[in-house]
Amino acid sequence: PQRIPFMIGAGPQLQFIKAKDEVLDQAPVYKFTIPVFGEGIVYDSPLDERLQQVKLLVHSMNTKGLEAMVPKMIDEAEEYFHAWGDEGEVELRKVFSELIIMTASSCLMGPEIRENLSTEI
């Protein structure tokens, strides 16, 4: 089993959020994003490169940019879950990994990339 810490209250959370990457590296936690962005991109890159890449992403991840992505996210989720029946069992990590890849490609990479992806990736 893996231990997971929980930080309750603003004080402990602030220390975690404000920690510099040199002290508390986010990369190991966000390895699940590698299929979304690709190898060597963002959390799969050295810290100096990651900081430059994150600056580029921040411009599209503001409130206005994220609000514009919501309809695409809804469409992706509805299309993805439309094929499901009324009951059954799934591997949640696999399901959400697939959905994240499809949603991220639709929102961040555009229709040309998204149209060439399937859940088999």
Foldseek 3Di string as FASTA:
>chain_A
DDDDDDDDDDVVVVCVVPDDCVVPPCLVVVVLCCLQQHACEQSNHPPVRNVVRVVVVVVCPDPVNVVVLVVLLVVLVCVLCVPPDPDDDDDVVLSVSLSSNLSSCCSPVHDVRNVPDDSVD
